[in-house]
């Protein structure tokens, strides 16, 4: 029983860490993907690329 409790505590800690990582990635994606004031055609490709990278990381 004690080993199972240890295993479950580790699993919960891992899930909490993963949740924090995903929450941080989501915040970055939300900030980066806000609609710009200027025309969408003027959004730098590098910004779109960075949004894409963060989205891919969040989906891992």
Protein backbone atom coordinates (compact mmCIF):
# COMPACT_ATOMS: atom_id res chain seq x y z
CA UNK A 1 0.00 0.00 0.00
CA UNK A 2 2.83 2.41 0.85
CA UNK A 3 4.49 1.91 -2.54
CA UNK A 4 1.21 2.60 -4.29
CA UNK A 5 0.77 5.82 -2.32
CA UNK A 6 4.31 6.92 -3.26
CA UNK A 7 3.64 6.13 -6.91
CA UNK A 8 0.36 8.05 -6.86
CA UNK A 9 2.00 11.05 -5.18
CA UNK A 10 4.66 11.12 -7.88
CA UNK A 11 1.99 10.86 -10.56
CA UNK A 12 0.07 13.77 -9.04
CA UNK A 13 3.25 15.86 -8.85
CA UNK A 14 3.97 15.08 -12.52
CA UNK A 15 0.43 16.08 -13.50
CA UNK A 16 0.69 19.34 -11.58
CA UNK A 17 3.96 20.14 -13.34
CA UNK A 18 2.48 19.33 -16.74
CA UNK A 19 -0.56 21.47 -15.97
CA UNK A 20 1.67 24.42 -15.04
CA UNK A 21 3.70 24.00 -18.24
CA UNK A 22 0.57 23.90 -20.39
CA UNK A 23 -0.95 26.88 -18.58
CA UNK A 24 2.20 28.92 -19.22
CA UNK A 25 2.25 27.88 -22.89
CA UNK A 26 -1.42 28.81 -23.24
CA UNK A 27 -0.77 32.26 -21.75
CA UNK A 28 2.03 32.86 -24.25
CA UNK A 29 -0.17 31.72 -27.14
CA UNK A 30 -3.02 33.97 -26.00
CA UNK A 31 -0.72 36.98 -25.68
CA UNK A 32 1.00 36.38 -29.01
CA UNK A 33 -2.22 35.68 -30.90
CA UNK A 34 -4.18 38.77 -29.90
CA UNK A 35 -5.49 40.59 -32.93
CA UNK A 36 -3.08 43.30 -33.96
CA UNK A 37 -4.19 46.89 -34.39
CA UNK A 38 -2.71 46.99 -37.88
CA UNK A 39 -3.71 44.97 -40.91
CA UNK A 40 -3.14 41.23 -40.52
CA UNK A 41 -0.98 41.37 -43.64
CA UNK A 42 1.47 43.50 -41.66
CA UNK A 43 1.96 40.91 -38.89
CA UNK A 44 5.54 39.67 -39.17
CA UNK A 45 5.95 36.09 -40.30
CA UNK A 46 8.31 35.57 -37.36
CA UNK A 47 5.47 36.34 -34.93
CA UNK A 48 3.22 33.81 -36.65
CA UNK A 49 6.03 31.26 -36.60
CA UNK A 50 6.55 31.82 -32.87
CA UNK A 51 2.82 31.35 -32.18
CA UNK A 52 2.94 28.12 -34.16
CA UNK A 53 5.95 26.86 -32.17
CA UNK A 54 4.25 27.57 -28.84
CA UNK A 55 1.06 25.88 -30.01
CA UNK A 56 2.97 22.78 -31.10
CA UNK A 57 4.78 22.66 -27.75
CA UNK A 58 1.50 22.96 -25.87
CA UNK A 59 0.02 20.06 -27.82
CA UNK A 60 2.88 17.67 -26.96
